[in-house]
Amino acid sequence: MSTESLPGDRFISNYLYPLFGANNDTEMISQMVWISFLYTLSTVITMIVLPAPYGRYNSSKFGFPIPGKFAWITQECLSVIIPVILLLTTSATCWHSTANKILCIGFIIHYFQRSFIFPLSIRNTMKSSPFLVYILALIFCLFNGFMQGHYLLNYHQYDDKWTSSPQFIIGLILFYVGMAINIHSDQLLIHLRKPGETGYKIPTGGMFNYITGANFFGEIVEWTGFAIASCSPPATVFALFSAAYLGMRAWHHHKYYLSKFENYPRARKIILPFLF
């Protein structure tokens, strides 16, 4: 079967190659990695001045409000849907590799949890998201979901020895340890307020005893592990973006708690236990 025989393959070669000024997968993925890197830099520069304007920093300056749970589910679920579409509509020649399957399934598990389980477990209403923030998040999840999925399904096939390599094993352990920290920290935040209560409280328990951004720390560990396990440019630049964006988000949260609560633990670090 030709690698150009399926609808997804034809769509990529006929529309996405020209969109990125590429002639093949190598050029397209290289362009996408560079775009991700530049986006990471622009995000850090922007967040030095202004926190991402959603949640507690919500601002009407960035467009009309989109209902919180709707915005969250519809933007995040693209990182589940896009790899599945690629699997069903492209040749997916790399799917035969065990390592590729494990990495791709791990990526989908994370986003399935973030897209559906997390928002639906929140008892109170999620804060609305400004339209511009929602659209940017939607584009990012679409872009990154395709980049990660296409790399693992159609571009780079790991050999059978990769699953027994130290970097794959260590990376995978970090990925699932980070996921556990992220989920546990989210649950602590969800149950921080009693039903019907509003306002913010000081998070405690788990990694929150050491850092302000415990949930963010878990996700950073996840994607660092994913990058180590895959040793790929797309995973590495995504791990870099996650560390930069979530680290800055934790920094803004830390400043917020210190200004709002006089009894906020001064010894608590921002994002790295005992260090920063």
Protein backbone atom coordinates (compact mmCIF):
# COMPACT_ATOMS: atom_id res chain seq x y z
CA MET A 1 0.00 0.00 0.00
CA SER A 2 1.34 3.44 -0.89
CA THR A 3 2.00 5.80 1.98
CA GLU A 4 -0.03 8.36 0.02
CA SER A 5 -3.09 6.11 -0.44
CA LEU A 6 -5.20 7.11 2.55
CA PRO A 7 -7.21 10.34 2.96
CA GLY A 8 -5.14 11.57 5.89
CA ASP A 9 -1.90 11.06 3.99
CA ARG A 10 -3.25 12.99 1.01
CA PHE A 11 -4.50 15.82 3.22
CA ILE A 12 -1.08 16.16 4.87
CA SER A 13 0.86 16.17 1.60
CA ASN A 14 -1.62 18.32 -0.34
CA TYR A 15 -2.46 20.91 2.30
CA LEU A 16 -0.16 20.80 5.34
CA TYR A 17 3.14 20.57 3.46
CA PRO A 18 2.36 23.80 1.53
CA LEU A 19 1.03 25.46 4.70
CA PHE A 20 4.41 24.96 6.40
CA GLY A 21 6.44 25.53 3.24
CA ALA A 22 7.63 21.92 3.35
CA ASN A 23 8.24 19.22 0.78
CA ASN A 24 8.20 16.27 3.17
CA ASP A 25 7.59 15.19 6.77
CA THR A 26 11.11 16.06 7.89
CA GLU A 27 10.79 19.66 6.76
CA MET A 28 7.25 20.01 8.12
CA ILE A 29 8.12 18.64 11.57
CA SER A 30 11.24 20.82 11.70
CA GLN A 31 9.11 23.89 10.93
CA MET A 32 6.56 22.92 13.58
CA VAL A 33 9.26 22.46 16.22
CA TRP A 34 10.69 25.91 15.44
CA ILE A 35 7.23 27.47 15.59
CA SER A 36 6.69 25.81 18.98
CA PHE A 37 10.02 27.11 20.23
CA LEU A 38 9.29 30.69 19.12
CA TYR A 39 5.81 30.46 20.63
CA THR A 40 7.39 29.35 23.92
CA LEU A 41 9.69 32.39 23.91
CA SER A 42 6.81 34.76 23.15
CA THR A 43 4.71 33.19 25.90
CA VAL A 44 7.44 33.63 28.50
CA ILE A 45 8.01 37.27 27.49
CA THR A 46 4.28 37.98 27.64
CA MET A 47 3.82 36.27 31.00
CA ILE A 48 6.65 38.25 32.59
CA VAL A 49 4.37 41.26 32.18
CA LEU A 50 0.91 39.71 32.37
CA PRO A 51 -0.46 36.43 33.75
CA ALA A 52 -2.41 34.30 31.29
CA PRO A 53 -5.83 36.00 31.53
CA TYR A 54 -8.08 33.12 32.57
CA GLY A 55 -9.12 31.64 35.90
CA ARG A 56 -8.36 34.05 38.75
CA TYR A 57 -6.76 36.47 36.26
CA ASN A 58 -9.77 36.52 33.93
CA SER A 59 -10.16 39.74 31.95
CA SER A 60 -12.92 40.97 29.65
CA LYS A 61 -10.26 42.79 27.61
CA PHE A 62 -9.56 39.52 25.81
CA GLY A 63 -13.03 38.89 24.47
CA PHE A 64 -16.45 37.74 25.57
CA PRO A 65 -16.57 34.89 28.10
CA ILE A 66 -16.82 31.24 27.06
CA PRO A 67 -18.34 28.90 29.68
CA GLY A 68 -15.47 27.34 31.62
CA LYS A 69 -16.16 23.62 31.32
CA PHE A 70 -17.19 23.91 27.67
CA ALA A 71 -14.01 25.84 26.85
CA TRP A 72 -11.77 23.43 28.74
CA ILE A 73 -13.25 20.23 27.32
CA THR A 74 -13.45 21.40 23.71
CA GLN A 75 -9.92 22.81 23.62
CA GLU A 76 -8.15 19.97 25.45
CA CYS A 77 -9.98 17.10 23.73
CA LEU A 78 -8.35 18.02 20.40
CA SER A 79 -5.16 16.44 21.75
CA VAL A 80 -7.12 13.19 22.03
CA ILE A 81 -9.10 13.47 18.81
CA ILE A 82 -6.27 14.44 16.45
CA PRO A 83 -3.98 11.43 17.15
CA VAL A 84 -7.01 9.11 16.87
CA ILE A 85 -7.95 10.67 13.52
CA LEU A 86 -4.36 10.24 12.33
CA LEU A 87 -4.40 6.60 13.41
CA LEU A 88 -7.63 5.95 11.50
CA THR A 89 -7.02 8.01 8.34
CA THR A 90 -3.27 7.78 7.67
CA SER A 91 -0.96 4.88 6.92
CA ALA A 92 0.29 5.01 10.55
CA THR A 93 3.26 2.85 9.61
CA CYS A 94 4.97 3.49 12.97
CA TRP A 95 2.04 2.09 14.95
CA HIS A 96 3.56 -1.39 14.58
CA SER A 97 6.33 -0.43 17.02
CA THR A 98 5.67 -1.21 20.69
CA ALA A 99 7.47 1.93 21.84
CA ASN A 100 5.44 4.09 19.47
CA LYS A 101 2.22 2.56 20.79
CA ILE A 102 3.22 3.10 24.43
CA LEU A 103 4.20 6.73 23.86
CA CYS A 104 1.14 7.56 21.78
CA ILE A 105 -1.24 5.88 24.22
CA GLY A 106 0.43 7.71 27.14
CA PHE A 107 -0.11 11.04 25.38
CA ILE A 108 -3.78 10.19 24.78
CA ILE A 109 -4.32 8.96 28.36
CA HIS A 110 -2.99 12.25 29.74
CA TYR A 111 -5.28 14.34 27.57
CA PHE A 112 -8.30 12.10 28.07
CA GLN A 113 -7.90 12.62 31.80
CA ARG A 114 -7.37 16.36 31.37
CA SER A 115 -10.17 16.75 28.82
CA PHE A 116 -12.97 14.82 30.50
CA ILE A 117 -12.22 13.32 33.93
CA PHE A 118 -10.67 16.47 35.43
CA PRO A 119 -13.30 19.07 34.42
CA LEU A 120 -16.25 16.75 35.07
CA SER A 121 -14.97 16.00 38.58
CA ILE A 122 -15.09 19.70 39.53
CA ARG A 123 -18.15 20.25 41.69
CA ASN A 124 -18.34 24.02 41.31
CA THR A 125 -18.62 25.96 38.07
CA MET A 126 -15.31 26.57 36.32
CA LYS A 127 -14.52 30.22 35.66
CA SER A 128 -15.24 31.35 32.13
CA SER A 129 -12.47 31.79 29.59
CA PRO A 130 -12.12 34.90 27.38
CA PHE A 131 -12.69 34.17 23.70
CA LEU A 132 -9.14 35.04 22.60
CA VAL A 133 -7.60 32.80 25.28
CA TYR A 134 -9.96 29.99 24.28
CA ILE A 135 -9.06 30.28 20.59
CA LEU A 136 -5.32 30.34 21.31
CA ALA A 137 -5.64 27.25 23.52
CA LEU A 138 -7.72 25.55 20.82
CA ILE A 139 -5.07 26.25 18.17
CA PHE A 140 -2.25 25.11 20.46
CA CYS A 141 -3.92 21.77 21.27
CA LEU A 142 -4.70 21.21 17.59
CA PHE A 143 -1.13 22.07 16.56
CA ASN A 144 0.61 20.09 19.30
CA GLY A 145 -1.77 17.14 19.07
CA PHE A 146 -0.97 16.84 15.38
CA MET A 147 2.79 17.34 15.83
CA GLN A 148 3.10 14.69 18.54
CA GLY A 149 0.67 12.28 16.89
CA HIS A 150 2.14 12.54 13.40
CA TYR A 151 5.69 12.09 14.68
CA LEU A 152 4.77 8.92 16.60
CA LEU A 153 2.39 7.44 14.02
CA ASN A 154 3.91 8.36 10.68
CA TYR A 155 7.43 9.69 11.03
CA HIS A 156 9.78 7.99 13.49
CA GLN A 157 9.53 4.28 14.28
CA TYR A 158 11.46 3.06 17.33
CA ASP A 159 13.12 -0.34 17.11
CA ASP A 160 12.31 -3.23 19.44
CA LYS A 161 15.31 -2.52 21.67
CA TRP A 162 14.09 0.97 22.56
CA THR A 163 11.55 -0.28 25.12
CA SER A 164 14.36 -1.83 27.20
CA SER A 165 16.65 1.21 26.98
CA PRO A 166 17.37 3.17 30.22
CA GLN A 167 16.04 6.44 28.81
CA PHE A 168 12.73 4.87 27.79
CA ILE A 169 12.19 3.16 31.15
CA ILE A 170 13.26 6.19 33.23
CA GLY A 171 11.23 8.54 31.05
CA LEU A 172 8.12 6.40 31.29
CA ILE A 173 8.44 6.17 35.08
CA LEU A 174 8.76 9.96 35.30
CA PHE A 175 5.76 10.37 33.00
CA TYR A 176 3.42 8.32 35.17
CA VAL A 177 4.84 9.63 38.47
CA GLY A 178 4.23 13.15 37.17
CA MET A 179 0.71 12.20 36.11
CA ALA A 180 -0.01 10.83 39.60
CA ILE A 181 1.27 14.05 41.22
CA ASN A 182 -0.78 16.14 38.80
CA ILE A 183 -4.00 14.21 39.41
CA HIS A 184 -3.52 14.08 43.20
CA SER A 185 -2.80 17.83 43.34
CA ASP A 186 -5.86 18.60 41.22
CA GLN A 187 -8.03 16.55 43.55
CA LEU A 188 -6.67 18.45 46.55
CA LEU A 189 -7.62 21.71 44.85
CA ILE A 190 -11.05 20.42 43.84
CA HIS A 191 -11.84 19.41 47.43
CA LEU A 192 -10.27 22.50 49.00
CA ARG A 193 -13.64 24.23 49.17
CA LYS A 194 -16.83 22.72 50.50
CA PRO A 195 -19.84 22.53 48.13
CA GLY A 196 -21.21 26.00 47.59
CA GLU A 197 -18.15 27.79 48.96
CA THR A 198 -16.46 30.47 46.86
CA GLY A 199 -13.17 32.31 47.04
CA TYR A 200 -9.63 31.04 47.32
CA LYS A 201 -8.00 29.12 50.16
CA ILE A 202 -4.42 28.10 50.84
CA PRO A 203 -3.81 24.65 49.30
CA THR A 204 -2.30 22.07 51.65
CA GLY A 205 -1.31 18.43 51.47
CA GLY A 206 0.80 16.43 49.07
CA MET A 207 3.29 18.48 47.09
CA PHE A 208 1.46 21.66 48.10
CA ASN A 209 3.32 21.42 51.41
CA TYR A 210 6.50 22.19 49.49
CA ILE A 211 5.54 24.23 46.42
CA THR A 212 2.76 26.56 45.29
CA GLY A 213 2.40 25.00 41.83
CA ALA A 214 2.10 21.33 42.82
CA ASN A 215 -0.30 20.48 40.00
CA PHE A 216 1.93 22.30 37.52
CA PHE A 217 5.01 20.55 38.86
CA GLY A 218 3.38 17.17 38.22
CA GLU A 219 2.64 18.07 34.61
CA ILE A 220 6.18 19.39 34.07
CA VAL A 221 7.57 16.08 35.39
CA GLU A 222 5.18 14.25 33.03
CA TRP A 223 6.32 15.97 29.88
CA THR A 224 9.96 15.89 30.91
CA GLY A 225 9.60 12.12 31.24
CA PHE A 226 7.81 11.95 27.89
CA ALA A 227 10.68 13.86 26.25
CA ILE A 228 13.27 11.54 27.84
CA ALA A 229 11.35 8.42 26.82
CA SER A 230 10.94 9.54 23.21
CA CYS A 231 14.13 11.60 22.70
CA SER A 232 12.29 13.47 19.97
CA PRO A 233 12.37 17.16 18.98
CA PRO A 234 8.54 17.53 19.18
CA ALA A 235 8.40 16.04 22.69
CA THR A 236 11.41 18.08 23.83
CA VAL A 237 10.02 21.42 22.66
CA PHE A 238 6.65 20.55 24.24
CA ALA A 239 8.39 19.74 27.54
CA LEU A 240 10.21 23.09 27.28
CA PHE A 241 6.93 24.92 26.66
CA SER A 242 5.24 23.13 29.57
CA ALA A 243 8.08 23.98 31.97
CA ALA A 244 8.14 27.62 30.85
CA TYR A 245 4.38 28.22 30.75
CA LEU A 246 3.47 26.28 33.89
CA GLY A 247 6.48 27.64 35.76
CA MET A 248 5.37 31.20 34.97
CA ARG A 249 1.79 30.31 35.94
CA ALA A 250 3.05 28.98 39.29
CA TRP A 251 5.07 32.19 39.79
CA HIS A 252 1.97 34.33 39.31
CA HIS A 253 -0.01 32.09 41.68
CA HIS A 254 2.76 32.36 44.28
CA LYS A 255 2.71 36.16 44.13
CA TYR A 256 -1.10 36.09 44.35
CA TYR A 257 -1.13 33.92 47.48
CA LEU A 258 1.58 35.98 49.18
CA SER A 259 -0.38 39.19 48.55
CA LYS A 260 -3.76 37.72 49.57
CA PHE A 261 -2.85 35.65 52.63
CA GLU A 262 -0.69 37.01 55.43
CA ASN A 263 -0.28 33.48 56.79
CA TYR A 264 0.83 31.95 53.50
CA PRO A 265 3.85 29.69 54.24
CA ARG A 266 6.91 31.82 53.41
CA ALA A 267 9.14 28.74 53.19
CA ARG A 268 7.02 27.24 50.43
CA LYS A 269 8.78 27.38 47.06
CA ILE A 270 7.19 28.23 43.72
CA ILE A 271 7.64 25.19 41.47
CA LEU A 272 10.73 23.16 42.49
CA PRO A 273 10.69 21.64 46.00
CA PHE A 274 13.39 23.14 48.27
CA LEU A 275 14.96 25.04 45.36
CA PHE A 276 12.75 27.61 43.63
